[in-house]
């Protein structure tokens, strides 16, 4: 009797590894978009930059613009966790220090200058703009749940829903304001100015949140 043969071929990827590949593809796409524009970038180029085929790129993302989604959404869980830790009676602006600002704008991959350039591209690239706005739309329920948990309220309570909408709009406006302003002034460009850029992001976030503070406190 012949013994059954063992399983052959490449073992299936873990969810962790799949997430890593998605992030690698996202980083490569951003670098190419910033360097040569979205129209000039192909799936083949993105795949080559990561060491995978274009077919693999399309397995993870429906379009080249969608490749940046992991970078746009990287900060959502971080912000939600910080919201749960926000102590009653303390201004929300205290949560946004330069370290968190780095995560919001650089989004676990590009440096601050590249991250800003990516956000600026959402002004002129409709495909990227759609992904950018959709990411914030998906973030809002996560923020509402975090605020509801902190207040001991049900997730569908109107108050955390309104607070989350205000917070969401404030964060997007602040990040766009900084990124577009950085493009005009050159702020944060170069490795020697990275820490200054992070501090400026944090200050922009704090200023924006101060404006919305009455509705969030």
Protein backbone atom coordinates (compact mmCIF):
# COMPACT_ATOMS: atom_id res chain seq x y z
CA UNK A 1 0.00 0.00 0.00
CA UNK A 2 1.31 3.39 -0.92
CA UNK A 3 1.39 5.95 1.88
CA UNK A 4 -0.58 9.10 1.16
CA UNK A 5 1.66 11.85 -0.06
CA UNK A 6 2.07 14.97 2.05
CA UNK A 7 0.79 18.34 0.98
CA UNK A 8 2.98 19.98 -1.60
CA UNK A 9 3.35 23.54 -2.72
CA UNK A 10 3.75 26.79 -0.85
CA UNK A 11 2.06 26.94 2.57
CA UNK A 12 -0.84 29.39 2.84
CA UNK A 13 -0.02 32.89 3.97
CA UNK A 14 -0.99 33.93 7.46
CA UNK A 15 -3.24 36.94 7.95
CA UNK A 16 -0.28 38.78 9.45
CA UNK A 17 1.83 38.14 6.37
CA UNK A 18 -1.03 39.19 4.09
CA UNK A 19 -1.27 42.48 5.99
CA UNK A 20 2.48 42.96 5.63
CA UNK A 21 2.28 42.41 1.87
CA UNK A 22 -0.58 44.87 1.58
CA UNK A 23 1.49 47.46 3.43
CA UNK A 24 4.56 46.79 1.29
CA UNK A 25 2.49 47.28 -1.85
CA UNK A 26 0.99 50.46 -0.42
CA UNK A 27 4.39 51.94 0.38
CA UNK A 28 5.71 51.14 -3.08
CA UNK A 29 2.65 52.65 -4.74
CA UNK A 30 2.98 55.87 -2.74
CA UNK A 31 6.64 56.28 -3.63
CA UNK A 32 5.83 55.81 -7.32
CA UNK A 33 2.79 58.09 -7.25
CA UNK A 34 4.79 60.88 -5.63
CA UNK A 35 7.80 60.41 -7.90
CA UNK A 36 6.10 60.08 -11.29
CA UNK A 37 2.36 60.63 -10.85
CA UNK A 38 -0.58 58.26 -10.70
CA UNK A 39 -1.24 58.12 -14.44
CA UNK A 40 2.33 57.08 -15.23
CA UNK A 41 2.38 54.34 -12.59
CA UNK A 42 1.42 50.79 -13.55
CA UNK A 43 0.56 47.70 -11.56
CA UNK A 44 3.65 46.05 -13.01
CA UNK A 45 5.86 48.83 -11.62
CA UNK A 46 4.27 48.58 -8.19
CA UNK A 47 4.74 44.82 -8.19
CA UNK A 48 8.36 45.07 -9.30
CA UNK A 49 9.11 47.50 -6.49
CA UNK A 50 7.86 44.93 -3.97
CA UNK A 51 9.15 41.81 -5.73
CA UNK A 52 5.74 40.42 -6.67
CA UNK A 53 3.77 40.12 -9.88
CA UNK A 54 1.14 42.58 -11.07
CA UNK A 55 -1.34 39.73 -10.64
CA UNK A 56 -0.49 39.66 -6.94
CA UNK A 57 -1.03 43.42 -6.69
CA UNK A 58 -4.51 43.05 -8.19
CA UNK A 59 -5.24 40.14 -5.86
CA UNK A 60 -4.89 42.52 -2.93
CA UNK A 61 -6.29 45.71 -4.46
CA UNK A 62 -8.95 46.41 -7.10
CA UNK A 63 -7.08 49.39 -8.55
CA UNK A 64 -3.74 51.14 -8.29
CA UNK A 65 -5.33 54.05 -6.40
CA UNK A 66 -6.74 51.61 -3.84
CA UNK A 67 -3.19 50.47 -3.05
CA UNK A 68 -2.76 53.45 -0.72
CA UNK A 69 -5.72 52.48 1.48
CA UNK A 70 -3.58 50.79 4.21
CA UNK A 71 -1.59 53.99 4.63
CA UNK A 72 -4.66 56.19 4.88
CA UNK A 73 -6.35 53.88 7.39
CA UNK A 74 -3.29 53.02 9.48
CA UNK A 75 -3.99 55.60 12.16
CA UNK A 76 -7.67 54.74 12.79
CA UNK A 77 -7.07 52.03 15.37
CA UNK A 78 -4.38 54.13 17.06
CA UNK A 79 -6.69 57.13 17.40
CA UNK A 80 -9.58 54.97 18.63
CA UNK A 81 -7.36 53.43 21.32
CA UNK A 82 -6.18 56.87 22.41
CA UNK A 83 -9.79 58.06 22.61
CA UNK A 84 -10.61 55.24 25.01
CA UNK A 85 -7.71 56.39 27.20
CA UNK A 86 -8.79 60.06 27.11
CA UNK A 87 -9.39 61.06 30.73
CA UNK A 88 -12.60 62.91 31.59
CA UNK A 89 -12.08 66.62 32.09
CA UNK A 90 -8.95 66.77 29.93
CA UNK A 91 -8.90 68.44 26.52
CA UNK A 92 -8.79 66.10 23.57
CA UNK A 93 -5.91 68.09 22.12
CA UNK A 94 -3.62 66.58 24.78
CA UNK A 95 -3.79 63.26 22.97
CA UNK A 96 -2.13 64.56 19.84
CA UNK A 97 1.59 64.79 20.45
CA UNK A 98 4.28 64.66 17.75
CA UNK A 99 4.56 60.86 18.03
CA UNK A 100 0.89 60.36 17.17
CA UNK A 101 1.06 63.03 14.48
CA UNK A 102 3.84 61.06 12.82
CA UNK A 103 1.61 58.01 12.69
CA UNK A 104 -1.30 59.97 11.25
CA UNK A 105 0.59 61.66 8.43
CA UNK A 106 3.43 59.24 7.70
CA UNK A 107 1.02 56.33 8.23
CA UNK A 108 3.56 53.63 9.11
CA UNK A 109 5.43 53.92 5.85
CA UNK A 110 6.56 57.04 3.99
CA UNK A 111 8.53 59.77 5.65
CA UNK A 112 6.73 62.97 6.59
CA UNK A 113 7.49 64.72 3.31
CA UNK A 114 6.24 61.78 1.24
CA UNK A 115 3.15 61.42 3.39
CA UNK A 116 2.35 65.09 2.90
CA UNK A 117 2.89 64.75 -0.84
CA UNK A 118 0.45 61.83 -0.91
CA UNK A 119 -2.25 63.85 0.84
CA UNK A 120 -1.63 66.72 -1.59
CA UNK A 121 -2.22 64.33 -4.48
CA UNK A 122 -5.77 63.80 -3.21
CA UNK A 123 -6.50 67.35 -4.38
CA UNK A 124 -5.73 66.58 -8.01
CA UNK A 125 -6.28 62.82 -8.34
CA UNK A 126 -9.99 61.87 -8.17
CA UNK A 127 -9.20 58.20 -7.57
CA UNK A 128 -7.01 58.97 -4.58
CA UNK A 129 -9.53 61.52 -3.33
CA UNK A 130 -12.24 58.87 -3.31
CA UNK A 131 -10.06 56.49 -1.29
CA UNK A 132 -9.09 59.29 1.12
CA UNK A 133 -12.70 60.28 1.80
CA UNK A 134 -13.88 56.68 2.03
CA UNK A 135 -11.22 55.99 4.65
CA UNK A 136 -12.51 58.81 6.82
CA UNK A 137 -16.07 57.63 6.28
CA UNK A 138 -15.08 54.20 7.58
CA UNK A 139 -13.21 55.74 10.52
CA UNK A 140 -16.24 57.51 11.92
CA UNK A 141 -17.99 54.42 13.38
CA UNK A 142 -14.71 53.36 15.01
CA UNK A 143 -14.37 56.76 16.65
CA UNK A 144 -18.02 56.65 17.75
CA UNK A 145 -17.55 53.25 19.39
CA UNK A 146 -14.43 54.46 21.19
CA UNK A 147 -16.18 57.58 22.48
CA UNK A 148 -19.23 55.55 23.50
CA UNK A 149 -17.05 53.04 25.37
CA UNK A 150 -15.31 55.85 27.19
CA UNK A 151 -18.61 57.42 28.24
CA UNK A 152 -20.34 54.13 29.05
CA UNK A 153 -22.96 54.73 26.36
CA UNK A 154 -24.40 52.36 23.75
CA UNK A 155 -22.57 52.60 20.39
CA UNK A 156 -25.69 53.93 18.65
CA UNK A 157 -26.19 56.79 21.12
CA UNK A 158 -26.52 60.12 19.33
CA UNK A 159 -23.92 61.98 21.42
CA UNK A 160 -20.86 59.84 20.51
CA UNK A 161 -22.08 59.70 16.92
CA UNK A 162 -22.11 63.51 16.70
CA UNK A 163 -18.79 63.78 18.55
CA UNK A 164 -17.23 61.25 16.18
CA UNK A 165 -18.46 63.17 13.13
CA UNK A 166 -16.97 66.39 14.50
CA UNK A 167 -13.70 64.70 15.39
CA UNK A 168 -13.49 63.03 11.99
CA UNK A 169 -14.04 66.27 10.09
CA UNK A 170 -11.59 68.10 12.32
CA UNK A 171 -8.81 65.56 11.81
CA UNK A 172 -9.25 65.49 8.04
CA UNK A 173 -9.28 69.27 7.77
CA UNK A 174 -6.19 69.56 9.97
CA UNK A 175 -4.18 66.94 8.07
CA UNK A 176 -5.13 68.47 4.72
CA UNK A 177 -4.36 71.96 5.96
CA UNK A 178 -0.91 70.89 7.09
CA UNK A 179 -0.11 68.81 4.00
CA UNK A 180 -1.25 71.45 1.53
CA UNK A 181 0.53 74.17 3.48
CA UNK A 182 3.69 72.06 3.60
CA UNK A 183 3.60 71.77 -0.16
CA UNK A 184 3.55 75.52 -0.57
CA UNK A 185 6.22 76.25 2.05
CA UNK A 186 8.38 73.13 1.75
CA UNK A 187 7.98 72.51 5.50
CA UNK A 188 9.22 69.15 6.71
CA UNK A 189 11.17 68.34 3.59
CA UNK A 190 14.37 66.43 4.10
CA UNK A 191 15.43 64.15 6.93
CA UNK A 192 16.95 66.99 8.92
CA UNK A 193 13.53 68.67 9.26
CA UNK A 194 11.45 65.56 10.02
CA UNK A 195 11.09 66.26 13.74
CA UNK A 196 10.11 69.86 13.07
CA UNK A 197 7.45 68.63 10.64
CA UNK A 198 6.08 66.21 13.25
CA UNK A 199 5.79 69.01 15.79
CA UNK A 200 4.01 71.20 13.24
CA UNK A 201 1.53 68.41 12.47
CA UNK A 202 0.80 68.00 16.17
CA UNK A 203 0.33 71.75 16.58
CA UNK A 204 -2.03 71.90 13.61
CA UNK A 205 -4.08 69.05 15.08
CA UNK A 206 -4.21 70.70 18.50
CA UNK A 207 -5.28 74.03 17.00
CA UNK A 208 -8.04 72.38 14.97
CA UNK A 209 -9.26 70.37 17.95
CA UNK A 210 -9.31 73.50 20.10
CA UNK A 211 -11.76 75.02 17.62
CA UNK A 212 -14.02 71.98 17.93
CA UNK A 213 -13.40 71.51 21.67
CA UNK A 214 -16.71 72.95 22.86
CA UNK A 215 -18.58 70.22 21.04
CA UNK A 216 -16.21 67.45 22.11
CA UNK A 217 -15.67 68.23 25.79
